[in-house]
Amino acid sequence: MGTLTHFRNVYLEAFENCRPAFIVVLLKIYSLFSVLMISMAIYAFAFRAINGFRF
């Protein structure tokens, strides 16, 4: 649990005192999009590994 708190703090500190504000919003949206894409890739790999890599 401490690791998640650490990642949260690092994420929040990365955007502290950043200007202009719209760039910060775009970067936050992009980071969430990246997490979504990585999660989908991990899910797809795990699903195919469980099912014997049948396409």
N, C-alpha and C. Protein backbone atom coordinates (compact mmCIF):
# COMPACT_ATOMS: atom_id res chain seq x y z
N MET A 1 0.83 -1.20 0.00
CA MET A 1 0.00 0.00 0.00
C MET A 1 0.87 1.26 0.00
N GLY A 2 2.02 1.18 0.65
CA GLY A 2 2.91 2.33 0.68
C GLY A 2 3.44 2.69 -0.69
N THR A 3 3.60 1.69 -1.55
CA THR A 3 4.09 1.94 -2.91
C THR A 3 3.08 2.76 -3.69
N LEU A 4 1.80 2.44 -3.57
CA LEU A 4 0.77 3.21 -4.27
C LEU A 4 0.73 4.66 -3.78
N THR A 5 0.89 4.83 -2.48
CA THR A 5 0.93 6.19 -1.93
C THR A 5 2.13 6.95 -2.46
N HIS A 6 3.26 6.27 -2.57
CA HIS A 6 4.47 6.91 -3.10
C HIS A 6 4.26 7.33 -4.55
N PHE A 7 3.69 6.43 -5.38
CA PHE A 7 3.42 6.77 -6.78
C PHE A 7 2.44 7.93 -6.89
N ARG A 8 1.45 7.96 -6.02
CA ARG A 8 0.48 9.06 -6.01
C ARG A 8 1.18 10.38 -5.69
N ASN A 9 2.06 10.36 -4.70
CA ASN A 9 2.79 11.59 -4.33
C ASN A 9 3.71 12.05 -5.46
N VAL A 10 4.39 11.12 -6.10
CA VAL A 10 5.27 11.48 -7.22
C VAL A 10 4.45 12.09 -8.35
N TYR A 11 3.29 11.48 -8.65
CA TYR A 11 2.42 11.98 -9.72
C TYR A 11 1.94 13.39 -9.42
N LEU A 12 1.51 13.63 -8.19
CA LEU A 12 1.01 14.95 -7.83
C LEU A 12 2.12 16.00 -7.81
N GLU A 13 3.30 15.63 -7.36
CA GLU A 13 4.43 16.57 -7.32
C GLU A 13 4.93 16.91 -8.72
N ALA A 14 4.74 16.00 -9.66
CA ALA A 14 5.21 16.25 -11.03
C ALA A 14 4.47 17.42 -11.66
N PHE A 15 3.23 17.63 -11.27
CA PHE A 15 2.42 18.69 -11.87
C PHE A 15 2.30 19.92 -10.99
N GLU A 16 3.03 19.95 -9.89
CA GLU A 16 2.98 21.10 -9.00
C GLU A 16 3.69 22.29 -9.62
N ASN A 17 3.06 23.45 -9.56
CA ASN A 17 3.62 24.71 -10.07
C ASN A 17 3.95 24.67 -11.56
N CYS A 18 3.21 23.92 -12.31
CA CYS A 18 3.41 23.87 -13.77
C CYS A 18 2.51 24.89 -14.44
N ARG A 19 3.03 25.52 -15.46
CA ARG A 19 2.26 26.48 -16.24
C ARG A 19 2.55 26.24 -17.70
N PRO A 20 1.70 26.47 -18.60
CA PRO A 20 0.30 26.88 -18.52
C PRO A 20 -0.60 25.71 -18.10
N ALA A 21 -1.75 26.05 -17.57
CA ALA A 21 -2.64 25.06 -16.98
C ALA A 21 -3.18 24.07 -18.00
N PHE A 22 -3.43 24.51 -19.23
CA PHE A 22 -4.00 23.57 -20.21
C PHE A 22 -3.01 22.48 -20.58
N ILE A 23 -1.71 22.77 -20.52
CA ILE A 23 -0.69 21.75 -20.77
C ILE A 23 -0.73 20.70 -19.66
N VAL A 24 -0.92 21.13 -18.44
CA VAL A 24 -1.01 20.21 -17.31
C VAL A 24 -2.21 19.29 -17.49
N VAL A 25 -3.33 19.85 -17.90
CA VAL A 25 -4.54 19.04 -18.13
C VAL A 25 -4.28 18.02 -19.24
N LEU A 26 -3.67 18.45 -20.32
CA LEU A 26 -3.37 17.53 -21.43
C LEU A 26 -2.42 16.42 -20.98
N LEU A 27 -1.42 16.74 -20.19
CA LEU A 27 -0.48 15.73 -19.71
C LEU A 27 -1.15 14.73 -18.77
N LYS A 28 -2.07 15.21 -17.93
CA LYS A 28 -2.79 14.31 -17.03
C LYS A 28 -3.69 13.38 -17.83
N ILE A 29 -4.37 13.90 -18.85
CA ILE A 29 -5.21 13.06 -19.69
C ILE A 29 -4.36 12.03 -20.42
N TYR A 30 -3.21 12.46 -20.93
CA TYR A 30 -2.32 11.55 -21.64
C TYR A 30 -1.80 10.46 -20.71
N SER A 31 -1.47 10.80 -19.48
CA SER A 31 -0.97 9.79 -18.55
C SER A 31 -2.06 8.77 -18.22
N LEU A 32 -3.30 9.20 -18.07
CA LEU A 32 -4.40 8.26 -17.82
C LEU A 32 -4.64 7.37 -19.05
N PHE A 33 -4.54 7.97 -20.24
CA PHE A 33 -4.68 7.20 -21.47
C PHE A 33 -3.58 6.14 -21.57
N SER A 34 -2.37 6.50 -21.20
CA SER A 34 -1.25 5.56 -21.25
C SER A 34 -1.46 4.40 -20.28
N VAL A 35 -1.94 4.70 -19.09
CA VAL A 35 -2.23 3.65 -18.11
C VAL A 35 -3.31 2.72 -18.64
N LEU A 36 -4.32 3.28 -19.28
CA LEU A 36 -5.39 2.47 -19.86
C LEU A 36 -4.84 1.54 -20.95
N MET A 37 -3.99 2.06 -21.82
CA MET A 37 -3.42 1.25 -22.90
C MET A 37 -2.52 0.13 -22.35
N ILE A 38 -1.71 0.43 -21.36
CA ILE A 38 -0.85 -0.59 -20.76
C ILE A 38 -1.70 -1.65 -20.08
N SER A 39 -2.76 -1.24 -19.41
CA SER A 39 -3.65 -2.20 -18.75
C SER A 39 -4.31 -3.12 -19.77
N MET A 40 -4.74 -2.56 -20.89
CA MET A 40 -5.36 -3.38 -21.92
C MET A 40 -4.36 -4.36 -22.52
N ALA A 41 -3.13 -3.95 -22.70
CA ALA A 41 -2.09 -4.84 -23.24
C ALA A 41 -1.80 -5.98 -22.27
N ILE A 42 -1.71 -5.68 -20.99
CA ILE A 42 -1.47 -6.72 -19.99
C ILE A 42 -2.65 -7.69 -19.93
N TYR A 43 -3.86 -7.15 -19.98
CA TYR A 43 -5.05 -8.00 -19.98
C TYR A 43 -5.06 -8.91 -21.21
N ALA A 44 -4.78 -8.37 -22.38
CA ALA A 44 -4.80 -9.17 -23.60
C ALA A 44 -3.74 -10.27 -23.54
N PHE A 45 -2.56 -9.95 -23.05
CA PHE A 45 -1.51 -10.96 -22.94
C PHE A 45 -1.91 -12.04 -21.95
N ALA A 46 -2.43 -11.65 -20.80
CA ALA A 46 -2.84 -12.63 -19.79
C ALA A 46 -3.97 -13.50 -20.31
N PHE A 47 -4.93 -12.92 -20.99
CA PHE A 47 -6.06 -13.68 -21.54
C PHE A 47 -5.57 -14.72 -22.55
N ARG A 48 -4.66 -14.31 -23.42
CA ARG A 48 -4.14 -15.25 -24.43
C ARG A 48 -3.25 -16.30 -23.79
N ALA A 49 -2.50 -15.93 -22.75
CA ALA A 49 -1.65 -16.90 -22.07
C ALA A 49 -2.50 -17.94 -21.35
N ILE A 50 -3.59 -17.53 -20.76
CA ILE A 50 -4.48 -18.46 -20.06
C ILE A 50 -5.17 -19.39 -21.04
N ASN A 51 -5.50 -18.89 -22.22
CA ASN A 51 -6.20 -19.69 -23.22
C ASN A 51 -5.26 -20.39 -24.20
N GLY A 52 -4.01 -20.45 -23.90
CA GLY A 52 -3.07 -21.21 -24.74
C GLY A 52 -2.66 -20.49 -26.00
N PHE A 53 -2.70 -19.19 -26.04
CA PHE A 53 -2.27 -18.39 -27.18
C PHE A 53 -3.04 -18.73 -28.46
N ARG A 54 -4.31 -19.08 -28.32
CA ARG A 54 -5.14 -19.32 -29.49
C ARG A 54 -5.68 -18.00 -29.99
N PHE A 55 -5.51 -17.72 -31.28
CA PHE A 55 -5.95 -16.45 -31.84
C PHE A 55 -7.28 -16.59 -32.53
